[in-house]
Protein backbone atom coordinates (compact mmCIF):
# COMPACT_ATOMS: atom_id res chain seq x y z
CA MET A 1 -7.61 14.74 81.60
CA SER A 2 -4.12 12.50 82.19
CA ASP A 3 -1.36 11.48 80.10
CA LYS A 4 -2.34 7.94 80.19
CA GLU A 5 -6.06 8.46 79.82
CA VAL A 6 -5.37 10.48 76.22
CA ILE A 7 -3.02 7.48 75.28
CA GLU A 8 -5.47 5.05 76.20
CA ALA A 9 -8.37 6.61 74.26
CA ALA A 10 -6.12 7.14 71.12
CA LEU A 11 -4.87 3.50 71.15
CA PHE A 12 -8.83 2.63 71.75
CA ALA A 13 -9.96 4.90 68.48
CA ALA A 14 -6.95 4.25 66.21
CA GLY A 15 -7.89 0.70 64.83
CA GLY A 16 -4.23 0.02 64.85
CA ALA A 17 -0.97 0.71 66.30
CA LEU A 18 0.45 3.71 67.12
CA ASP A 19 4.07 4.62 67.15
CA ALA A 20 5.48 6.67 70.50
CA THR A 21 6.31 9.36 68.40
CA THR A 22 2.59 9.84 67.80
CA LEU A 23 1.44 9.28 71.13
CA GLY A 24 4.18 11.95 72.52
CA LYS A 25 2.81 14.32 70.26
CA LEU A 26 -0.78 13.64 71.58
CA ILE A 27 -0.19 14.66 75.12
CA GLY A 28 2.49 17.27 73.69
CA LYS A 29 5.41 15.65 74.99
CA ASN A 30 8.57 13.69 73.64
CA LYS A 31 8.25 9.79 72.90
CA LYS A 32 10.37 9.26 75.71
CA LYS A 33 7.79 10.55 78.21
CA ALA A 34 5.44 8.38 76.54
CA ILE A 35 6.79 4.85 76.03
CA PRO A 36 6.61 4.60 80.21
CA ILE A 37 3.11 5.30 79.75
CA ALA A 38 1.97 3.07 77.03
CA LEU A 39 4.38 0.10 78.88
CA GLY A 40 2.29 0.60 82.16
CA LEU A 41 -1.02 0.11 79.70
CA VAL A 42 -0.08 -2.90 78.37
CA GLU A 43 1.26 -4.27 81.95
CA GLU A 44 -2.12 -2.77 83.41
CA TYR A 45 -4.49 -4.49 80.81
CA ALA A 46 -2.49 -7.96 81.06
CA SER A 47 -3.40 -7.94 84.60
CA ARG A 48 -6.80 -6.81 84.63
CA GLU A 49 -10.00 -8.82 83.96
CA THR A 50 -10.53 -7.75 80.21
CA GLY A 51 -11.57 -8.83 76.46
CA LEU A 52 -8.79 -6.61 75.68
CA GLU A 53 -4.82 -6.21 75.58
CA VAL A 54 -2.86 -3.71 74.93
CA LEU A 55 0.43 -5.22 72.71
CA ASP A 56 4.10 -3.64 72.65
CA LEU A 57 5.61 -3.83 69.19
CA GLY A 58 8.22 -2.17 69.48
CA GLU A 59 8.08 1.38 70.16
CA ARG A 60 4.68 1.14 68.71
CA TYR A 61 1.23 -0.17 70.42
CA VAL A 62 -1.76 -1.45 69.59
CA MET A 63 -4.79 -2.38 71.55
CA GLN A 64 -6.85 -5.63 70.54
CA VAL A 65 -9.45 -7.88 71.54
CA LYS A 66 -7.54 -10.62 72.95
CA PRO A 67 -7.58 -13.66 71.24
CA GLN A 68 -9.88 -15.99 73.07
CA TYR A 69 -12.49 -13.54 72.67
CA THR A 70 -12.09 -12.87 68.67
CA ASP A 71 -14.79 -15.71 67.37
CA ALA A 72 -17.11 -14.38 69.68
CA VAL A 73 -16.93 -10.64 68.49
CA ARG A 74 -15.96 -11.54 64.88
CA PRO A 75 -19.76 -11.14 63.53
CA LEU A 76 -19.39 -7.50 64.47
CA ALA A 77 -15.72 -6.99 63.42
CA PRO A 78 -14.78 -5.20 60.08
CA LYS A 79 -14.94 -7.38 57.17
CA GLU A 80 -12.38 -9.86 57.26
CA LEU A 81 -10.12 -10.37 54.24
CA SER A 82 -11.41 -13.24 52.04
CA ALA A 83 -9.17 -16.22 50.81
CA PRO A 84 -8.37 -14.94 47.28
CA MET A 85 -7.29 -11.82 48.76
CA LEU A 86 -5.63 -13.10 51.54
CA ARG A 87 -3.61 -15.38 49.30
CA THR A 88 -2.96 -12.34 47.06
CA LEU A 89 -1.77 -10.11 49.79
CA SER A 90 0.61 -13.02 51.38
CA MET A 91 2.33 -13.09 47.80
CA ILE A 92 2.91 -9.38 47.71
CA ALA A 93 4.14 -9.59 51.43
CA TYR A 94 6.46 -12.68 50.66
CA HIS A 95 8.14 -11.58 47.31
CA GLN A 96 8.24 -7.61 48.14
CA PRO A 97 8.68 -5.46 46.46
CA LEU A 98 6.79 -7.03 43.59
CA ILE A 99 6.08 -5.85 39.94
CA GLN A 100 2.39 -5.89 39.55
CA SER A 101 2.66 -7.48 36.31
CA ASP A 102 4.26 -10.15 37.86
CA LEU A 103 1.55 -10.83 40.12
CA VAL A 104 -0.85 -10.68 37.88
CA ASP A 105 1.07 -13.63 36.08
CA MET A 106 0.97 -15.39 39.21
CA ARG A 107 -2.81 -14.95 40.16
CA GLY A 108 -4.57 -13.88 37.23
CA ASN A 109 -6.71 -10.81 36.41
CA SER A 110 -8.74 -11.26 39.40
CA ALA A 111 -5.48 -9.59 41.30
CA TYR A 112 -6.34 -6.03 39.69
CA ASP A 113 -9.69 -6.34 42.31
CA HIS A 114 -7.43 -7.51 45.13
CA ILE A 115 -4.95 -4.75 44.64
CA ARG A 116 -7.64 -2.12 44.65
CA GLU A 117 -9.43 -3.31 47.54
CA LEU A 118 -5.73 -3.95 49.51
CA LYS A 119 -5.10 -0.14 48.53
CA GLU A 120 -8.03 1.02 49.94
CA ARG A 121 -7.77 -0.89 53.21
CA GLY A 122 -4.51 0.62 53.50
CA PHE A 123 -2.97 -3.18 53.28
CA VAL A 124 -0.63 -1.80 50.59
CA GLU A 125 1.03 0.60 48.50
CA ALA A 126 1.59 0.63 44.71
CA LEU A 127 4.41 3.12 43.39
CA PRO A 128 5.00 3.61 40.15
CA HIS A 129 7.40 1.79 38.30
CA GLY A 130 7.52 2.32 34.36
CA ARG A 131 4.04 1.36 32.61
CA THR A 132 3.30 -0.87 35.93
CA LYS A 133 3.68 -0.33 39.54
CA ILE A 134 5.63 -1.40 42.67
CA LEU A 135 3.96 -3.62 45.26
CA GLN A 136 4.61 -3.51 48.85
CA THR A 137 2.66 -3.58 52.72
CA THR A 138 2.51 -0.94 55.03
CA ALA A 139 2.54 -0.41 58.45
CA LEU A 140 -0.89 -1.63 58.66
CA PHE A 141 -0.43 -4.60 57.33
CA ALA A 142 2.06 -5.32 60.36
CA ASP A 143 -0.27 -4.28 62.91
CA TYR A 144 -3.12 -6.71 61.10
CA PHE A 145 -0.83 -9.43 61.73
CA GLY A 146 0.78 -8.48 65.04
CA LEU A 147 4.46 -7.87 63.55
CA GLU A 148 6.60 -6.07 65.38
CA SER A 149 7.62 -3.93 62.17
CA ASN A 150 7.18 -4.13 58.44
CA ASP A 151 10.21 -4.92 57.80
CA PRO A 152 10.26 -7.28 54.57
CA GLU A 153 12.38 -10.17 56.45
CA ILE A 154 10.32 -9.73 59.33
CA VAL A 155 7.15 -10.25 56.86
CA LYS A 156 8.41 -12.97 55.09
CA LYS A 157 9.30 -14.86 58.14
CA LYS A 158 5.38 -14.34 59.32
CA ILE A 159 4.15 -15.75 56.04
CA ILE A 160 5.85 -18.91 55.85
CA GLU A 161 4.79 -19.42 59.56
CA LEU A 162 1.35 -18.79 58.83
CA SER A 163 1.20 -20.74 55.57
CA ARG A 164 2.58 -23.69 57.28
CA ALA A 165 0.55 -23.37 60.13
CA GLN A 166 -2.40 -22.99 57.68
CA SER A 167 -2.17 -26.49 55.84
CA GLY A 168 1.94 -27.36 55.58
CA GLN A 169 3.85 -27.48 52.66
CA SER A 170 0.42 -27.29 50.22
CA GLY A 171 -0.40 -23.91 51.88
CA LEU A 172 2.96 -22.63 51.60
CA ASN A 173 3.00 -23.06 48.15
CA LYS A 174 -0.09 -20.95 47.43
CA TRP A 175 0.72 -18.60 50.30
CA LEU A 176 4.15 -18.31 48.36
CA GLY A 177 2.81 -17.80 44.94
CA ARG A 178 4.52 -21.03 43.80
CA ARG A 179 2.80 -22.06 40.63
CA PHE A 180 2.56 -25.51 38.53
CA ILE A 181 1.71 -26.56 35.04
CA GLY A 182 -1.60 -27.62 34.63
CA VAL A 183 -1.99 -30.64 32.49
CA THR A 184 -5.05 -32.69 31.81
CA PRO A 185 -4.59 -36.54 32.73
CA MET A 186 -3.82 -38.01 29.09
CA TYR A 187 -0.87 -35.54 28.85
CA GLU A 188 0.71 -36.18 32.10
CA SER A 189 3.66 -38.27 30.38
CA LEU A 190 4.40 -35.21 28.38
CA MET A 191 5.64 -33.42 31.68
CA GLN A 192 8.03 -36.58 32.03
CA LEU A 193 9.11 -36.26 28.27
CA CYS A 194 9.81 -32.13 28.94
CA GLY A 195 11.87 -32.79 32.44
CA ILE A 196 8.73 -30.86 34.18
CA LYS A 197 8.26 -31.87 37.88
CA GLU A 198 6.32 -28.78 38.92
CA TYR A 199 2.91 -29.92 37.66
CA LYS A 200 -0.19 -30.78 38.64
CA VAL A 201 -2.50 -33.43 36.97
CA ILE A 202 -6.27 -31.84 36.74
CA ASN A 203 -9.57 -32.24 34.45
CA ALA A 204 -10.10 -28.80 32.95
CA TYR A 205 -13.14 -30.12 30.85
CA ASP A 206 -15.27 -30.29 33.52
CA PRO A 207 -13.81 -29.53 37.19
CA THR A 208 -15.30 -29.96 40.65
CA GLU A 209 -15.10 -27.36 42.99
CA SER A 210 -11.52 -28.59 44.40
CA GLU A 211 -10.15 -28.70 41.09
CA LEU A 212 -11.10 -25.54 40.46
CA ASP A 213 -9.43 -24.27 43.56
CA GLU A 214 -6.44 -26.16 42.03
CA LEU A 215 -6.67 -24.14 38.71
CA GLU A 216 -5.81 -21.09 40.82
CA ASP A 217 -2.11 -22.75 41.71
CA VAL A 218 -1.59 -23.08 37.36
CA TYR A 219 0.07 -20.72 35.35
CA LYS A 220 -0.02 -22.58 32.03
CA LEU A 221 -2.55 -25.34 31.33
CA VAL A 222 -1.91 -27.92 28.72
CA ILE A 223 -5.01 -29.50 27.04
CA SER A 224 -5.83 -31.25 23.90
CA LYS A 225 -6.82 -29.30 21.14
CA GLY A 226 -10.51 -28.67 19.97
CA TYR A 227 -11.32 -27.80 24.01
CA LEU A 228 -9.78 -24.51 24.00
CA GLU A 229 -13.44 -22.93 24.25
CA LYS A 230 -14.61 -25.31 26.90
CA VAL A 231 -11.87 -24.83 28.93
CA SER A 232 -11.75 -20.85 28.71
CA LYS A 233 -15.44 -21.23 31.06
CA TYR A 234 -13.17 -22.35 33.89
CA TYR A 235 -9.43 -20.91 33.38
CA ASP A 236 -7.96 -17.31 32.43
CA GLY A 237 -4.81 -18.32 32.32
CA GLU A 238 -2.16 -19.18 29.35
CA ILE A 239 -3.92 -22.38 27.71
CA ILE A 240 -1.72 -24.56 25.41
CA GLU A 241 -3.30 -26.67 23.09
CA VAL A 242 -1.73 -29.97 22.01
CA SER A 243 -2.37 -32.89 19.97
CA SER A 244 -0.55 -36.47 20.17
CA THR A 245 -2.34 -38.57 17.00
CA THR A 246 1.38 -39.01 15.36
CA PHE A 247 5.24 -39.16 16.47
CA ASP A 248 5.44 -35.38 15.14
CA ASP A 249 2.42 -34.67 17.29
CA ILE A 250 4.69 -35.10 20.43
CA ILE A 251 7.48 -33.50 19.11
CA ASP A 252 5.59 -30.25 18.93
CA SER A 253 4.19 -30.59 21.94
CA VAL A 254 7.17 -30.92 23.77
CA LYS A 255 8.73 -27.55 21.86
CA LEU A 256 5.29 -25.98 23.09
CA LEU A 257 6.73 -26.16 26.30
CA GLU A 258 10.55 -25.34 25.29
CA ASN A 259 10.44 -21.96 27.89
CA VAL A 260 9.24 -24.16 30.88
CA TRP A 261 10.86 -27.63 29.79
CA ASP A 262 14.26 -29.11 31.11
CA GLU A 263 16.68 -28.72 28.08
CA ASP A 264 18.54 -32.07 28.55
CA THR A 265 15.57 -34.06 28.95
CA ALA A 266 13.43 -32.60 26.26
CA VAL A 267 16.27 -32.75 23.80
CA SER A 268 16.90 -36.35 24.65
CA SER A 269 13.12 -37.05 24.33
CA ILE A 270 13.03 -35.46 20.71
CA GLU A 271 15.95 -37.39 19.34
CA SER A 272 14.46 -40.95 20.77
CA ILE A 273 10.93 -39.96 19.24
CA THR A 274 12.51 -39.03 16.08
CA GLU A 275 14.61 -42.40 16.20
CA LEU A 276 11.56 -44.40 16.96
CA LYS A 277 9.66 -42.80 14.19
CA GLU A 278 12.37 -43.60 11.66
CA ARG A 279 11.90 -47.74 12.69
CA TYR A 280 8.16 -47.33 11.81
CA VAL A 281 8.68 -45.47 8.69
CA SER A 282 11.53 -48.65 7.81
CA LYS A 283 8.80 -51.00 8.90
CA ALA A 284 6.47 -49.57 6.30
CA LEU A 285 8.68 -49.19 3.38
CA VAL A 286 8.09 -53.14 2.95
CA ILE A 287 4.49 -52.55 2.33
CA SER A 288 3.29 -51.92 -1.12
CA LYS A 289 -0.85 -51.88 -0.60
CA LYS A 290 -2.00 -48.27 -0.96
CA VAL A 291 -4.54 -47.15 1.49
CA GLN A 292 -7.71 -44.79 1.93
CA PRO A 293 -7.78 -42.93 5.11
CA ALA A 294 -11.39 -42.42 6.47
CA THR A 295 -10.57 -39.55 8.32
CA GLU A 296 -8.37 -36.62 8.64
CA MET A 297 -6.68 -38.03 11.52
CA VAL A 298 -5.66 -41.27 9.79
CA ALA A 299 -4.53 -39.54 7.21
CA ARG A 300 -1.86 -37.84 8.89
CA ILE A 301 -0.74 -41.19 10.42
CA ILE A 302 -0.40 -42.40 6.87
CA SER A 303 1.64 -39.58 5.74
CA ASP A 304 4.00 -39.76 8.77
CA LEU A 305 4.50 -43.61 7.62
CA ARG A 306 4.66 -42.34 3.91
CA LEU A 307 2.14 -45.09 2.89
CA GLY A 308 0.82 -44.59 -0.56
CA VAL A 309 -2.63 -43.59 -1.06
CA SER A 310 -5.78 -44.47 -3.16
CA SER A 311 -9.24 -43.73 -3.64
CA THR A 312 -9.71 -47.26 -4.01
CA GLY A 313 -7.11 -48.63 -1.39
CA ILE A 314 -7.56 -50.04 1.98
CA VAL A 315 -9.74 -48.45 4.00
CA ILE A 316 -8.50 -47.61 7.31
CA ALA A 317 -10.66 -45.64 9.99
CA PRO A 318 -10.75 -44.92 14.12
CA ASP A 319 -12.20 -47.05 16.12
CA TYR A 320 -14.72 -44.67 17.94
CA GLY A 321 -17.45 -45.40 15.15
CA LYS A 322 -19.59 -42.16 14.89
CA SER A 323 -17.95 -38.88 14.60
CA SER A 324 -19.10 -35.20 16.22
CA ASP A 325 -21.65 -34.87 13.45
CA GLY A 326 -22.54 -38.56 13.74
CA VAL A 327 -21.25 -39.90 10.77
CA ASP A 328 -20.13 -43.54 11.25
CA VAL A 329 -16.75 -43.69 10.28
CA SER A 330 -15.54 -47.04 11.56
CA GLU A 331 -18.27 -48.86 8.99
CA GLY A 332 -17.28 -50.79 6.12
CA ALA A 333 -13.36 -50.34 7.44
CA ASP A 334 -10.77 -52.81 6.54
CA ILE A 335 -8.52 -51.55 9.44
CA LEU A 336 -9.73 -50.02 12.75
CA ILE A 337 -6.84 -48.21 14.76
CA PRO A 338 -7.33 -47.70 18.55
CA THR A 339 -8.20 -44.09 19.55
CA HIS A 340 -7.26 -42.61 23.23
CA LYS A 341 -11.26 -43.44 24.32
CA GLY A 342 -9.92 -47.07 24.89
CA MET A 343 -6.23 -46.86 25.28
CA ASP A 344 -3.94 -47.13 28.14
CA GLY A 345 -0.10 -46.39 28.38
CA ASP A 346 1.33 -42.99 27.82
CA LEU A 347 1.85 -40.50 24.75
CA ILE A 348 4.27 -42.66 23.13
CA GLU A 349 3.03 -46.15 23.81
CA ARG A 350 -0.71 -44.79 22.41
CA VAL A 351 1.11 -43.23 19.35
CA CYS A 352 2.82 -46.80 18.60
CA SER A 353 -0.36 -48.93 19.43
CA LYS A 354 -1.88 -46.97 16.40
CA TYR A 355 0.86 -47.20 13.98
CA ASP A 356 1.37 -51.04 14.68
CA ALA A 357 -2.21 -51.34 13.91
CA VAL A 358 -1.77 -49.80 10.23
CA ILE A 359 1.33 -51.99 9.92
CA ASP A 360 0.16 -55.12 11.26
CA GLY A 361 -3.19 -54.63 9.35
CA LEU A 362 -1.63 -53.76 6.03
CA LYS A 363 1.23 -56.64 6.39
CA LYS A 364 -2.27 -58.89 6.41
CA PHE A 365 -3.59 -57.97 3.30
CA GLU A 366 0.11 -58.13 1.56
CA ASP A 367 0.18 -61.78 2.72
CA ASP A 368 -3.37 -62.59 1.55
């Protein structure tokens, strides 16, 4: 039994890279004696007609299937990493050393299952760090991706290379853990008011398969109040419920995003909205007619405009007809105000449309 045959058998059986020191111990010699033998196997396998190859990874050597044959033997190979798990692994690899709680913030609670399996498969190690753990890749990770070492900088370059090859910049965002604010279509203009540039517009109320995939890249999701239970079926991250019936609602919505806003933009937006509200209040000061709000939503608009209220006043109702409990709130109203179902424009334009409907409608009664 020759030293070459022992090293060749070891590389075949290992299922991963072996360093020169280990190979030397197998043949009872130092690594300087093992290296020429391993390099000889690299050259021999490169020259012969075979489905295998031996690679030199820098004093570490691995025997593996040649790339052109991987698809043919894939059904017989050990289970590959799923796409979600591979994404989790890539985030650990790029950001390492990475605190486990930070990873969970990026990937959601499913990351715990991914971490457990990645540890079992030897790709990741977790070291105690207070109440959480520090995650980093192992030498086996480097072997899996054909890297010459597990040096974090080499790993980072490989992750960028693989992600860009997969799907360009969008793939890079997913691999590197770049995450976004998610916002339903109605609230896209809220992002501009807050100066938030990293966001995705997603229908989170009834998402398609592709939208479900996009939700994985979202770490905060902005939705309309009243839809929390429905959206929670599809998304387990942080949900921020907002409303936009009044100017104060919009201001409150901006403030809810204080930890991610651009302060200068957001403060300027709040000042502009406050000034706009005061202009509408000034317009309403000349109205003496009292009103009777048909719904709580209308009552909030009336309160914002500081109009008088009476049970015998002019009835103001939303234009959506029947409420969720089947009551036709629009029937018999003197003034109808538009609701979002039939409105265009951004949040501020929508609120202005409601306030204009109230003030213009009441002015007509003042003139009669």
